[in-house]
């Protein structure tokens, strides 16, 4: 209007209303192309008819008399083409003087889709009858020939690993081993696979143990069981035809600890370039076969400089000779 009616220049009109000269010229061009366009958007109008609140209220009350919860009523109303929120249903029932439903058992609830309950892990319930099943863990069975050639369960039994009739020690460790071989970063992720028959079959169980069992299993192991397991495992691997090398990579690895145990020491964490509370583990890896042939966790600061000598003693006891070459950095020992 200022430009066309009041005859202001484009510069003056743009300056008065806060436009740049280029933007104002675009507005003028658009108006000339369509001078009869409306300047204001037409107001939106709501529904001309009010919803049939009385009918909805009657249906809600009738369904409540059938002992349906507000969520059940909401689902039924949606199937009838009258969607009502659970909050609205609760308000209607409160206005009509209905009390809350008492807690119901599962068999008293209406039929609805529910999560499948996985069976309890029990080696005695393992079914080996011929059948077909789909699994995400088919690659695990490539390891079965190697594990079958080892006295796996006997090694764990002699090492003193805990077990029961339902979940023997070998089955528990195979469950943990399966998740690690598959690449799961945490055994807590097992809850996504509790119904996978292939994973359970690899462990020798009817169902894989749940997260709570796998989490607490390591806490039940006697600390003296780890050295016994390492010695027995080292001797058993010779039956697989794995050559024992002569050169070994030795290093420390800090496992971060996020609790409040005052006895846990601070160690250097290379990935974070800082010192923090953690469990210091010593590892010795065969440089040729990449097999970890020795490990020791919970190394204390006062003994960490001598840990490489403990590996040398272990190697001599198991093989009758000293390792020919040890590769490590200056921080490993003094």
C-alpha atoms as a PDB file:
ATOM      1  CA  UNK A   1       0.000   0.000   0.000  1.00  0.00           C
ATOM      2  CA  UNK A   2       2.798   2.439   0.876  1.00  0.00           C
ATOM      3  CA  UNK A   3       4.426   1.749  -2.481  1.00  0.00           C
ATOM      4  CA  UNK A   4       1.390   1.580  -4.775  1.00  0.00           C
ATOM      5  CA  UNK A   5      -1.061   3.963  -3.039  1.00  0.00           C
ATOM      6  CA  UNK A   6       1.074   6.352  -0.996  1.00  0.00           C
ATOM      7  CA  UNK A   7       3.632   6.504  -3.836  1.00  0.00           C
ATOM      8  CA  UNK A   8       6.663   5.955  -1.613  1.00  0.00           C
ATOM      9  CA  UNK A   9       9.832   4.863  -3.321  1.00  0.00           C
ATOM     10  CA  UNK A  10      10.918   1.260  -2.950  1.00  0.00           C
ATOM     11  CA  UNK A  11      13.851   2.385  -0.815  1.00  0.00           C
ATOM     12  CA  UNK A  12      11.592   4.347   1.572  1.00  0.00           C
ATOM     13  CA  UNK A  13       8.953   1.609   1.807  1.00  0.00           C
ATOM     14  CA  UNK A  14      11.554  -1.102   2.430  1.00  0.00           C
ATOM     15  CA  UNK A  15      13.244   0.991   5.130  1.00  0.00           C
ATOM     16  CA  UNK A  16       9.950   1.793   6.886  1.00  0.00           C
ATOM     17  CA  UNK A  17       8.870  -1.838   7.222  1.00  0.00           C
ATOM     18  CA  UNK A  18      12.260  -3.442   7.840  1.00  0.00           C
ATOM     19  CA  UNK A  19      12.883  -5.079   4.451  1.00  0.00           C
ATOM     20  CA  UNK A  20      15.979  -5.009   2.327  1.00  0.00           C
ATOM     21  CA  UNK A  21      15.554  -3.403  -1.089  1.00  0.00           C
ATOM     22  CA  UNK A  22      15.982  -6.747  -2.849  1.00  0.00           C
ATOM     23  CA  UNK A  23      13.345  -8.481  -0.688  1.00  0.00           C
ATOM     24  CA  UNK A  24      10.923  -5.620  -1.181  1.00  0.00           C
ATOM     25  CA  UNK A  25      11.309  -5.802  -4.971  1.00  0.00           C
ATOM     26  CA  UNK A  26      10.441  -9.520  -4.780  1.00  0.00           C
ATOM     27  CA  UNK A  27       7.250  -8.688  -2.855  1.00  0.00           C
ATOM     28  CA  UNK A  28       6.294  -6.075  -5.434  1.00  0.00           C
ATOM     29  CA  UNK A  29       6.864  -8.570  -8.255  1.00  0.00           C
ATOM     30  CA  UNK A  30       4.753 -11.248  -6.549  1.00  0.00           C
ATOM     31  CA  UNK A  31       1.919  -8.771  -5.982  1.00  0.00           C
ATOM     32  CA  UNK A  32       1.924  -7.685  -9.615  1.00  0.00           C
ATOM     33  CA  UNK A  33       1.723 -11.319 -10.722  1.00  0.00           C
ATOM     34  CA  UNK A  34      -1.345 -11.939  -8.515  1.00  0.00           C
ATOM     35  CA  UNK A  35      -2.889  -8.656  -7.361  1.00  0.00           C
ATOM     36  CA  UNK A  36      -6.157 -10.282  -6.198  1.00  0.00           C
ATOM     37  CA  UNK A  37      -4.666 -12.708  -3.713  1.00  0.00           C
ATOM     38  CA  UNK A  38      -5.995 -12.472  -0.111  1.00  0.00           C
ATOM     39  CA  UNK A  39      -3.800 -10.603   2.323  1.00  0.00           C
ATOM     40  CA  UNK A  40      -4.937 -12.647   5.337  1.00  0.00           C
ATOM     41  CA  UNK A  41      -5.274 -16.407   5.719  1.00  0.00           C
ATOM     42  CA  UNK A  42      -8.863 -17.577   6.171  1.00  0.00           C
ATOM     43  CA  UNK A  43      -9.540 -18.669   9.773  1.00  0.00           C
ATOM     44  CA  UNK A  44      -9.730 -22.397  10.332  1.00  0.00           C
ATOM     45  CA  UNK A  45     -13.085 -23.604  11.540  1.00  0.00           C
ATOM     46  CA  UNK A  46     -13.620 -26.354  14.055  1.00  0.00           C
ATOM     47  CA  UNK A  47     -16.095 -29.205  13.841  1.00  0.00           C
ATOM     48  CA  UNK A  48     -19.659 -28.053  13.229  1.00  0.00           C
ATOM     49  CA  UNK A  49     -21.098 -30.866  15.358  1.00  0.00           C
ATOM     50  CA  UNK A  50     -20.097 -31.785  18.895  1.00  0.00           C
ATOM     51  CA  UNK A  51     -19.032 -35.413  19.472  1.00  0.00           C
ATOM     52  CA  UNK A  52     -21.583 -37.792  20.802  1.00  0.00           C
ATOM     53  CA  UNK A  53     -20.342 -37.608  24.334  1.00  0.00           C
ATOM     54  CA  UNK A  54     -23.379 -39.286  25.781  1.00  0.00           C
ATOM     55  CA  UNK A  55     -22.937 -42.384  23.601  1.00  0.00           C
ATOM     56  CA  UNK A  56     -19.226 -42.603  24.399  1.00  0.00           C
ATOM     57  CA  UNK A  57     -19.913 -42.265  28.119  1.00  0.00           C
ATOM     58  CA  UNK A  58     -22.522 -45.027  28.015  1.00  0.00           C
ATOM     59  CA  UNK A  59     -20.158 -47.375  26.202  1.00  0.00           C
ATOM     60  CA  UNK A  60     -17.349 -46.637  28.667  1.00  0.00           C
ATOM     61  CA  UNK A  61     -19.607 -47.368  31.635  1.00  0.00           C
ATOM     62  CA  UNK A  62     -20.882 -50.579  30.041  1.00  0.00           C
ATOM     63  CA  UNK A  63     -17.350 -51.812  29.425  1.00  0.00           C
ATOM     64  CA  UNK A  64     -16.311 -50.974  32.993  1.00  0.00           C
ATOM     65  CA  UNK A  65     -19.160 -53.102  34.291  1.00  0.00           C
ATOM     66  CA  UNK A  66     -17.421 -55.991  32.500  1.00  0.00           C
ATOM     67  CA  UNK A  67     -14.384 -55.362  34.765  1.00  0.00           C
ATOM     68  CA  UNK A  68     -12.221 -53.921  32.000  1.00  0.00           C
ATOM     69  CA  UNK A  69      -9.398 -51.565  32.954  1.00  0.00           C
ATOM     70  CA  UNK A  70      -9.126 -48.072  31.506  1.00  0.00           C
ATOM     71  CA  UNK A  71      -6.475 -49.312  29.064  1.00  0.00           C
ATOM     72  CA  UNK A  72      -8.650 -52.241  27.978  1.00  0.00           C
ATOM     73  CA  UNK A  73     -11.585 -49.860  27.494  1.00  0.00           C
ATOM     74  CA  UNK A  74      -9.409 -47.499  25.451  1.00  0.00           C
ATOM     75  CA  UNK A  75      -8.388 -50.340  23.114  1.00  0.00           C
ATOM     76  CA  UNK A  76     -12.002 -51.518  22.703  1.00  0.00           C
ATOM     77  CA  UNK A  77     -13.248 -48.003  21.986  1.00  0.00           C
ATOM     78  CA  UNK A  78     -10.558 -47.530  19.358  1.00  0.00           C
ATOM     79  CA  UNK A  79     -11.662 -50.703  17.559  1.00  0.00           C
ATOM     80  CA  UNK A  80     -15.239 -49.347  17.555  1.00  0.00           C
ATOM     81  CA  UNK A  81     -14.147 -46.138  15.875  1.00  0.00           C
ATOM     82  CA  UNK A  82     -14.456 -43.920  18.964  1.00  0.00           C
ATOM     83  CA  UNK A  83     -10.892 -43.423  20.222  1.00  0.00           C
ATOM     84  CA  UNK A  84     -10.810 -42.200  23.828  1.00  0.00           C
ATOM     85  CA  UNK A  85      -7.663 -41.681  25.857  1.00  0.00           C
ATOM     86  CA  UNK A  86      -7.095 -43.574  29.095  1.00  0.00           C
ATOM     87  CA  UNK A  87      -6.989 -40.267  30.980  1.00  0.00           C
ATOM     88  CA  UNK A  88     -10.424 -39.292  29.647  1.00  0.00           C
ATOM     89  CA  UNK A  89     -11.860 -42.703  30.568  1.00  0.00           C
ATOM     90  CA  UNK A  90     -10.441 -42.375  34.082  1.00  0.00           C
ATOM     91  CA  UNK A  91     -12.134 -38.981  34.442  1.00  0.00           C
ATOM     92  CA  UNK A  92     -15.495 -40.353  33.246  1.00  0.00           C
ATOM     93  CA  UNK A  93     -15.348 -43.248  35.704  1.00  0.00           C
ATOM     94  CA  UNK A  94     -14.391 -40.917  38.530  1.00  0.00           C
ATOM     95  CA  UNK A  95     -17.336 -38.632  37.743  1.00  0.00           C
ATOM     96  CA  UNK A  96     -19.676 -41.643  37.788  1.00  0.00           C
ATOM     97  CA  UNK A  97     -18.337 -42.857  41.142  1.00  0.00           C
ATOM     98  CA  UNK A  98     -16.520 -46.008  39.977  1.00  0.00           C
ATOM     99  CA  UNK A  99     -13.692 -47.229  42.214  1.00  0.00           C
ATOM    100  CA  UNK A 100     -10.383 -48.548  40.919  1.00  0.00           C
ATOM    101  CA  UNK A 101     -10.283 -52.193  39.926  1.00  0.00           C
ATOM    102  CA  UNK A 102      -8.520 -54.576  42.344  1.00  0.00           C
ATOM    103  CA  UNK A 103      -5.305 -56.128  41.079  1.00  0.00           C
ATOM    104  CA  UNK A 104      -6.130 -59.012  38.773  1.00  0.00           C
ATOM    105  CA  UNK A 105      -4.319 -62.238  37.988  1.00  0.00           C
ATOM    106  CA  UNK A 106      -3.138 -62.867  34.451  1.00  0.00           C
ATOM    107  CA  UNK A 107      -5.904 -65.395  33.811  1.00  0.00           C
ATOM    108  CA  UNK A 108      -8.503 -62.799  34.852  1.00  0.00           C
ATOM    109  CA  UNK A 109      -7.312 -60.253  32.308  1.00  0.00           C
ATOM    110  CA  UNK A 110      -8.755 -60.084  28.774  1.00  0.00           C
ATOM    111  CA  UNK A 111      -6.955 -62.030  26.095  1.00  0.00           C
ATOM    112  CA  UNK A 112      -4.206 -59.870  24.602  1.00  0.00           C
ATOM    113  CA  UNK A 113      -0.763 -60.184  23.091  1.00  0.00           C
ATOM    114  CA  UNK A 114       1.812 -60.791  25.826  1.00  0.00           C
ATOM    115  CA  UNK A 115       5.573 -61.380  25.738  1.00  0.00           C
ATOM    116  CA  UNK A 116       6.667 -64.991  25.502  1.00  0.00           C
ATOM    117  CA  UNK A 117       8.120 -66.243  28.776  1.00  0.00           C
ATOM    118  CA  UNK A 118      11.423 -68.060  28.256  1.00  0.00           C
ATOM    119  CA  UNK A 119      11.826 -71.346  30.134  1.00  0.00           C
ATOM    120  CA  UNK A 120      14.279 -71.733  32.998  1.00  0.00           C
ATOM    121  CA  UNK A 121      17.701 -72.960  31.946  1.00  0.00           C
ATOM    122  CA  UNK A 122      18.005 -76.641  32.838  1.00  0.00           C
ATOM    123  CA  UNK A 123      20.454 -79.070  31.253  1.00  0.00           C
ATOM    124  CA  UNK A 124      18.147 -81.958  32.185  1.00  0.00           C
ATOM    125  CA  UNK A 125      15.403 -80.506  29.975  1.00  0.00           C
ATOM    126  CA  UNK A 126      17.536 -80.363  26.823  1.00  0.00           C
ATOM    127  CA  UNK A 127      15.643 -81.899  23.899  1.00  0.00           C
ATOM    128  CA  UNK A 128      17.913 -83.444  21.257  1.00  0.00           C
ATOM    129  CA  UNK A 129      15.149 -84.848  19.077  1.00  0.00           C
ATOM    130  CA  UNK A 130      15.662 -84.128  15.333  1.00  0.00           C
ATOM    131  CA  UNK A 131      14.120 -80.807  14.305  1.00  0.00           C
ATOM    132  CA  UNK A 132      14.869 -77.565  12.486  1.00  0.00           C
ATOM    133  CA  UNK A 133      15.249 -74.119  13.988  1.00  0.00           C
ATOM    134  CA  UNK A 134      16.497 -70.686  12.980  1.00  0.00           C
ATOM    135  CA  UNK A 135      19.312 -69.023  14.900  1.00  0.00           C
ATOM    136  CA  UNK A 136      21.524 -65.960  14.717  1.00  0.00           C
ATOM    137  CA  UNK A 137      24.384 -67.922  16.276  1.00  0.00           C
ATOM    138  CA  UNK A 138      25.103 -70.486  13.580  1.00  0.00           C
ATOM    139  CA  UNK A 139      28.760 -69.454  13.392  1.00  0.00           C
ATOM    140  CA  UNK A 140      29.339 -70.653  16.961  1.00  0.00           C
ATOM    141  CA  UNK A 141      29.092 -74.259  15.842  1.00  0.00           C
ATOM    142  CA  UNK A 142      32.331 -73.870  13.882  1.00  0.00           C
ATOM    143  CA  UNK A 143      34.043 -73.999  17.278  1.00  0.00           C
ATOM    144  CA  UNK A 144      32.333 -77.231  18.308  1.00  0.00           C
ATOM    145  CA  UNK A 145      34.933 -79.635  16.817  1.00  0.00           C
ATOM    146  CA  UNK A 146      37.672 -77.926  18.839  1.00  0.00           C
ATOM    147  CA  UNK A 147      35.629 -77.920  22.040  1.00  0.00           C
ATOM    148  CA  UNK A 148      34.583 -81.529  21.548  1.00  0.00           C
ATOM    149  CA  UNK A 149      38.241 -82.578  21.392  1.00  0.00           C
ATOM    150  CA  UNK A 150      38.895 -81.015  24.811  1.00  0.00           C
ATOM    151  CA  UNK A 151      37.713 -82.314  28.207  1.00  0.00           C
ATOM    152  CA  UNK A 152      36.001 -78.964  28.741  1.00  0.00           C
ATOM    153  CA  UNK A 153      33.614 -79.952  31.524  1.00  0.00           C
ATOM    154  CA  UNK A 154      36.270 -81.980  33.327  1.00  0.00           C
ATOM    155  CA  UNK A 155      38.728 -79.065  33.272  1.00  0.00           C
ATOM    156  CA  UNK A 156      36.182 -76.723  34.843  1.00  0.00           C
ATOM    157  CA  UNK A 157      35.176 -79.311  37.431  1.00  0.00           C
ATOM    158  CA  UNK A 158      38.786 -79.872  38.494  1.00  0.00           C
ATOM    159  CA  UNK A 159      39.341 -76.101  38.629  1.00  0.00           C
ATOM    160  CA  UNK A 160      36.515 -75.831  41.138  1.00  0.00           C
ATOM    161  CA  UNK A 161      34.138 -73.710  39.093  1.00  0.00           C
ATOM    162  CA  UNK A 162      30.641 -73.621  40.631  1.00  0.00           C
ATOM    163  CA  UNK A 163      27.721 -75.432  39.065  1.00  0.00           C
ATOM    164  CA  UNK A 164      24.442 -77.162  39.818  1.00  0.00           C
ATOM    165  CA  UNK A 165      22.313 -79.970  38.433  1.00  0.00           C
ATOM    166  CA  UNK A 166      20.326 -77.455  36.409  1.00  0.00           C
ATOM    167  CA  UNK A 167      23.333 -75.486  35.128  1.00  0.00           C
ATOM    168  CA  UNK A 168      26.643 -77.353  35.537  1.00  0.00           C
ATOM    169  CA  UNK A 169      29.896 -75.396  35.427  1.00  0.00           C
ATOM    170  CA  UNK A 170      30.656 -76.323  31.821  1.00  0.00           C
ATOM    171  CA  UNK A 171      27.249 -75.174  30.626  1.00  0.00           C
ATOM    172  CA  UNK A 172      27.543 -71.867  32.492  1.00  0.00           C
ATOM    173  CA  UNK A 173      30.977 -71.091  31.034  1.00  0.00           C
ATOM    174  CA  UNK A 174      29.871 -72.132  27.535  1.00  0.00           C
ATOM    175  CA  UNK A 175      26.997 -69.657  27.829  1.00  0.00           C
ATOM    176  CA  UNK A 176      29.423 -66.842  28.653  1.00  0.00           C
ATOM    177  CA  UNK A 177      31.853 -68.025  25.991  1.00  0.00           C
ATOM    178  CA  UNK A 178      29.121 -68.096  23.332  1.00  0.00           C
ATOM    179  CA  UNK A 179      28.241 -64.447  23.911  1.00  0.00           C
ATOM    180  CA  UNK A 180      31.885 -63.414  23.780  1.00  0.00           C
ATOM    181  CA  UNK A 181      32.580 -65.411  20.610  1.00  0.00           C
ATOM    182  CA  UNK A 182      29.508 -63.904  18.986  1.00  0.00           C
ATOM    183  CA  UNK A 183      30.762 -60.420  19.793  1.00  0.00           C
ATOM    184  CA  UNK A 184      28.307 -59.195  22.443  1.00  0.00           C
ATOM    185  CA  UNK A 185      30.075 -56.521  24.454  1.00  0.00           C
ATOM    186  CA  UNK A 186      28.156 -57.280  27.683  1.00  0.00           C
ATOM    187  CA  UNK A 187      26.592 -60.472  28.962  1.00  0.00           C
ATOM    188  CA  UNK A 188      23.635 -58.302  30.045  1.00  0.00           C
ATOM    189  CA  UNK A 189      22.692 -58.221  26.338  1.00  0.00           C
ATOM    190  CA  UNK A 190      21.700 -61.889  26.584  1.00  0.00           C
ATOM    191  CA  UNK A 191      18.072 -60.926  27.296  1.00  0.00           C
ATOM    192  CA  UNK A 192      17.617 -60.211  23.586  1.00  0.00           C
ATOM    193  CA  UNK A 193      18.486 -63.822  22.738  1.00  0.00           C
ATOM    194  CA  UNK A 194      16.900 -65.900  25.526  1.00  0.00           C
ATOM    195  CA  UNK A 195      14.532 -67.531  23.016  1.00  0.00           C
ATOM    196  CA  UNK A 196      17.251 -68.455  20.498  1.00  0.00           C
ATOM    197  CA  UNK A 197      17.435 -72.261  20.345  1.00  0.00           C
ATOM    198  CA  UNK A 198      20.822 -72.281  18.623  1.00  0.00           C
ATOM    199  CA  UNK A 199      22.500 -70.313  21.405  1.00  0.00           C
ATOM    200  CA  UNK A 200      21.006 -72.608  24.035  1.00  0.00           C
ATOM    201  CA  UNK A 201      22.071 -75.713  22.087  1.00  0.00           C
ATOM    202  CA  UNK A 202      25.682 -74.484  21.924  1.00  0.00           C
ATOM    203  CA  UNK A 203      25.677 -74.175  25.713  1.00  0.00           C
ATOM    204  CA  UNK A 204      24.047 -77.600  26.095  1.00  0.00           C
ATOM    205  CA  UNK A 205      20.886 -76.205  27.704  1.00  0.00           C
ATOM    206  CA  UNK A 206      17.202 -76.005  26.892  1.00  0.00           C
ATOM    207  CA  UNK A 207      17.451 -72.198  27.263  1.00  0.00           C
ATOM    208  CA  UNK A 208      20.316 -69.774  27.811  1.00  0.00           C
ATOM    209  CA  UNK A 209      20.669 -68.528  31.429  1.00  0.00           C
ATOM    210  CA  UNK A 210      19.247 -65.106  32.148  1.00  0.00           C
ATOM    211  CA  UNK A 211      21.189 -61.918  32.813  1.00  0.00           C
ATOM    212  CA  UNK A 212      21.038 -62.214  36.608  1.00  0.00           C
ATOM    213  CA  UNK A 213      22.721 -65.643  36.603  1.00  0.00           C
ATOM    214  CA  UNK A 214      25.479 -64.660  34.187  1.00  0.00           C
ATOM    215  CA  UNK A 215      26.158 -61.421  36.067  1.00  0.00           C
ATOM    216  CA  UNK A 216      26.662 -63.059  39.441  1.00  0.00           C
ATOM    217  CA  UNK A 217      28.435 -66.206  38.217  1.00  0.00           C
ATOM    218  CA  UNK A 218      31.929 -64.693  38.286  1.00  0.00           C
ATOM    219  CA  UNK A 219      31.355 -63.598  41.905  1.00  0.00           C
ATOM    220  CA  UNK A 220      30.847 -67.238  42.913  1.00  0.00           C
ATOM    221  CA  UNK A 221      34.187 -68.449  41.539  1.00  0.00           C
ATOM    222  CA  UNK A 222      36.979 -69.086  44.027  1.00  0.00           C
ATOM    223  CA  UNK A 223      39.976 -66.862  43.102  1.00  0.00           C
ATOM    224  CA  UNK A 224      42.213 -69.936  43.297  1.00  0.00           C
ATOM    225  CA  UNK A 225      40.158 -71.547  40.553  1.00  0.00           C
ATOM    226  CA  UNK A 226      41.548 -69.263  37.857  1.00  0.00           C
ATOM    227  CA  UNK A 227      45.202 -70.436  38.146  1.00  0.00           C
ATOM    228  CA  UNK A 228      44.027 -74.060  38.200  1.00  0.00           C
ATOM    229  CA  UNK A 229      41.932 -73.461  35.094  1.00  0.00           C
ATOM    230  CA  UNK A 230      44.810 -71.726  33.295  1.00  0.00           C
ATOM    231  CA  UNK A 231      47.225 -74.587  33.960  1.00  0.00           C
ATOM    232  CA  UNK A 232      44.743 -77.277  32.901  1.00  0.00           C
ATOM    233  CA  UNK A 233      43.679 -75.301  29.831  1.00  0.00           C
ATOM    234  CA  UNK A 234      47.293 -74.730  28.798  1.00  0.00           C
ATOM    235  CA  UNK A 235      48.023 -78.456  28.901  1.00  0.00           C
ATOM    236  CA  UNK A 236      44.773 -79.359  27.112  1.00  0.00           C
ATOM    237  CA  UNK A 237      45.441 -77.031  24.170  1.00  0.00           C
ATOM    238  CA  UNK A 238      48.402 -79.175  23.181  1.00  0.00           C
ATOM    239  CA  UNK A 239      45.925 -81.812  21.947  1.00  0.00           C
ATOM    240  CA  UNK A 240      44.595 -79.330  19.358  1.00  0.00           C
ATOM    241  CA  UNK A 241      47.933 -79.198  17.573  1.00  0.00           C
ATOM    242  CA  UNK A 242      48.623 -75.551  18.397  1.00  0.00           C
ATOM    243  CA  UNK A 243      52.353 -74.952  18.326  1.00  0.00           C
ATOM    244  CA  UNK A 244      53.909 -73.363  21.373  1.00  0.00           C
ATOM    245  CA  UNK A 245      55.831 -70.353  20.210  1.00  0.00           C
ATOM    246  CA  UNK A 246      59.101 -68.892  21.356  1.00  0.00           C
ATOM    247  CA  UNK A 247      58.286 -65.162  21.208  1.00  0.00           C
ATOM    248  CA  UNK A 248      55.702 -63.496  23.434  1.00  0.00           C
ATOM    249  CA  UNK A 249      54.117 -60.051  23.641  1.00  0.00           C
ATOM    250  CA  UNK A 250      53.707 -59.019  27.278  1.00  0.00           C
ATOM    251  CA  UNK A 251      51.661 -56.094  28.498  1.00  0.00           C
ATOM    252  CA  UNK A 252      49.367 -54.788  31.210  1.00  0.00           C
ATOM    253  CA  UNK A 253      45.704 -53.995  30.653  1.00  0.00           C
ATOM    254  CA  UNK A 254      43.576 -51.962  33.053  1.00  0.00           C
ATOM    255  CA  UNK A 255      39.936 -52.973  33.430  1.00  0.00           C
ATOM    256  CA  UNK A 256      38.098 -49.818  34.626  1.00  0.00           C
ATOM    257  CA  UNK A 257      36.292 -50.110  37.951  1.00  0.00           C
ATOM    258  CA  UNK A 258      33.365 -47.760  38.648  1.00  0.00           C
ATOM    259  CA  UNK A 259      32.493 -48.823  42.199  1.00  0.00           C
ATOM    260  CA  UNK A 260      33.554 -47.418  45.555  1.00  0.00           C
ATOM    261  CA  UNK A 261      35.833 -50.205  46.816  1.00  0.00           C
ATOM    262  CA  UNK A 262      38.619 -48.510  48.769  1.00  0.00           C
ATOM    263  CA  UNK A 263      41.048 -51.379  48.085  1.00  0.00           C
ATOM    264  CA  UNK A 264      40.992 -50.930  44.309  1.00  0.00           C
ATOM    265  CA  UNK A 265      44.110 -49.106  43.134  1.00  0.00           C
ATOM    266  CA  UNK A 266      44.442 -46.534  40.389  1.00  0.00           C
ATOM    267  CA  UNK A 267      46.196 -47.610  37.196  1.00  0.00           C
ATOM    268  CA  UNK A 268      46.880 -46.028  33.836  1.00  0.00           C
ATOM    269  CA  UNK A 269      44.157 -46.528  31.196  1.00  0.00           C
ATOM    270  CA  UNK A 270      45.741 -46.086  27.771  1.00  0.00           C
ATOM    271  CA  UNK A 271      42.461 -45.525  25.899  1.00  0.00           C
ATOM    272  CA  UNK A 272      41.621 -42.593  28.156  1.00  0.00           C
ATOM    273  CA  UNK A 273      45.191 -41.366  28.716  1.00  0.00           C
ATOM    274  CA  UNK A 274      44.685 -41.061  32.454  1.00  0.00           C
ATOM    275  CA  UNK A 275      44.898 -42.942  35.720  1.00  0.00           C
ATOM    276  CA  UNK A 276      41.728 -44.228  37.336  1.00  0.00           C
ATOM    277  CA  UNK A 277      40.483 -47.004  39.571  1.00  0.00           C
ATOM    278  CA  UNK A 278      40.706 -50.356  37.868  1.00  0.00           C
ATOM    279  CA  UNK A 279      41.844 -53.965  37.943  1.00  0.00           C
ATOM    280  CA  UNK A 280      45.327 -54.427  36.513  1.00  0.00           C
ATOM    281  CA  UNK A 281      45.706 -57.569  34.400  1.00  0.00           C
ATOM    282  CA  UNK A 282      48.921 -59.013  32.975  1.00  0.00           C
ATOM    283  CA  UNK A 283      48.696 -60.706  29.565  1.00  0.00           C
ATOM    284  CA  UNK A 284      51.185 -62.794  27.615  1.00  0.00           C
ATOM    285  CA  UNK A 285      50.325 -63.526  23.976  1.00  0.00           C
ATOM    286  CA  UNK A 286      52.104 -65.833  21.572  1.00  0.00           C
ATOM    287  CA  UNK A 287      53.477 -63.520  18.870  1.00  0.00           C
ATOM    288  CA  UNK A 288      53.061 -66.166  16.138  1.00  0.00           C
ATOM    289  CA  UNK A 289      49.704 -67.837  16.892  1.00  0.00           C
ATOM    290  CA  UNK A 290      48.142 -64.836  18.710  1.00  0.00           C
ATOM    291  CA  UNK A 291      47.020 -67.192  21.492  1.00  0.00           C
ATOM    292  CA  UNK A 292      46.902 -65.819  25.031  1.00  0.00           C
ATOM    293  CA  UNK A 293      48.944 -68.342  26.955  1.00  0.00           C
ATOM    294  CA  UNK A 294      49.104 -66.618  30.337  1.00  0.00           C
ATOM    295  CA  UNK A 295      47.039 -64.085  32.235  1.00  0.00           C
ATOM    296  CA  UNK A 296      46.863 -62.774  35.767  1.00  0.00           C
ATOM    297  CA  UNK A 297      44.224 -60.348  37.001  1.00  0.00           C
ATOM    298  CA  UNK A 298      44.177 -58.144  40.096  1.00  0.00           C
ATOM    299  CA  UNK A 299      47.899 -57.416  39.966  1.00  0.00           C
ATOM    300  CA  UNK A 300      48.940 -55.050  42.754  1.00  0.00           C
ATOM    301  CA  UNK A 301      51.368 -52.173  42.321  1.00  0.00           C
ATOM    302  CA  UNK A 302      53.926 -53.687  44.656  1.00  0.00           C
ATOM    303  CA  UNK A 303      54.109 -56.899  42.596  1.00  0.00           C
ATOM    304  CA  UNK A 304      53.548 -55.680  39.037  1.00  0.00           C
ATOM    305  CA  UNK A 305      57.274 -55.348  38.264  1.00  0.00           C
ATOM    306  CA  UNK A 306      57.796 -59.052  39.036  1.00  0.00           C
ATOM    307  CA  UNK A 307      54.783 -60.335  37.117  1.00  0.00           C
ATOM    308  CA  UNK A 308      56.801 -61.024  33.976  1.00  0.00           C
ATOM    309  CA  UNK A 309      59.028 -63.302  36.065  1.00  0.00           C
ATOM    310  CA  UNK A 310      55.919 -65.196  37.217  1.00  0.00           C
ATOM    311  CA  UNK A 311      55.130 -65.827  33.544  1.00  0.00           C
ATOM    312  CA  UNK A 312      58.654 -67.121  32.929  1.00  0.00           C
ATOM    313  CA  UNK A 313      58.273 -69.514  35.889  1.00  0.00           C
ATOM    314  CA  UNK A 314      54.889 -70.677  34.616  1.00  0.00           C
ATOM    315  CA  UNK A 315      56.235 -71.317  31.125  1.00  0.00           C
ATOM    316  CA  UNK A 316      59.178 -73.296  32.425  1.00  0.00           C
ATOM    317  CA  UNK A 317      56.930 -75.426  34.658  1.00  0.00           C
ATOM    318  CA  UNK A 318      54.557 -76.281  31.812  1.00  0.00           C
ATOM    319  CA  UNK A 319      57.093 -76.771  28.994  1.00  0.00           C
ATOM    320  CA  UNK A 320      60.410 -77.487  30.734  1.00  0.00           C
ATOM    321  CA  UNK A 321      62.190 -74.599  28.996  1.00  0.00           C
ATOM    322  CA  UNK A 322      62.452 -70.830  29.183  1.00  0.00           C
ATOM    323  CA  UNK A 323      60.749 -68.533  26.651  1.00  0.00           C
ATOM    324  CA  UNK A 324      63.267 -67.441  24.040  1.00  0.00           C
ATOM    325  CA  UNK A 325      62.003 -63.884  23.521  1.00  0.00           C
ATOM    326  CA  UNK A 326      59.856 -61.475  25.550  1.00  0.00           C
ATOM    327  CA  UNK A 327      58.591 -58.280  23.929  1.00  0.00           C
ATOM    328  CA  UNK A 328      57.408 -55.458  26.218  1.00  0.00           C
ATOM    329  CA  UNK A 329      57.743 -51.723  26.743  1.00  0.00           C
ATOM    330  CA  UNK A 330      59.607 -49.864  29.446  1.00  0.00           C
ATOM    331  CA  UNK A 331      56.528 -49.508  31.672  1.00  0.00           C
ATOM    332  CA  UNK A 332      56.053 -53.244  32.137  1.00  0.00           C
ATOM    333  CA  UNK A 333      58.885 -53.824  34.606  1.00  0.00           C
ATOM    334  CA  UNK A 334      61.911 -52.190  36.172  1.00  0.00           C
END
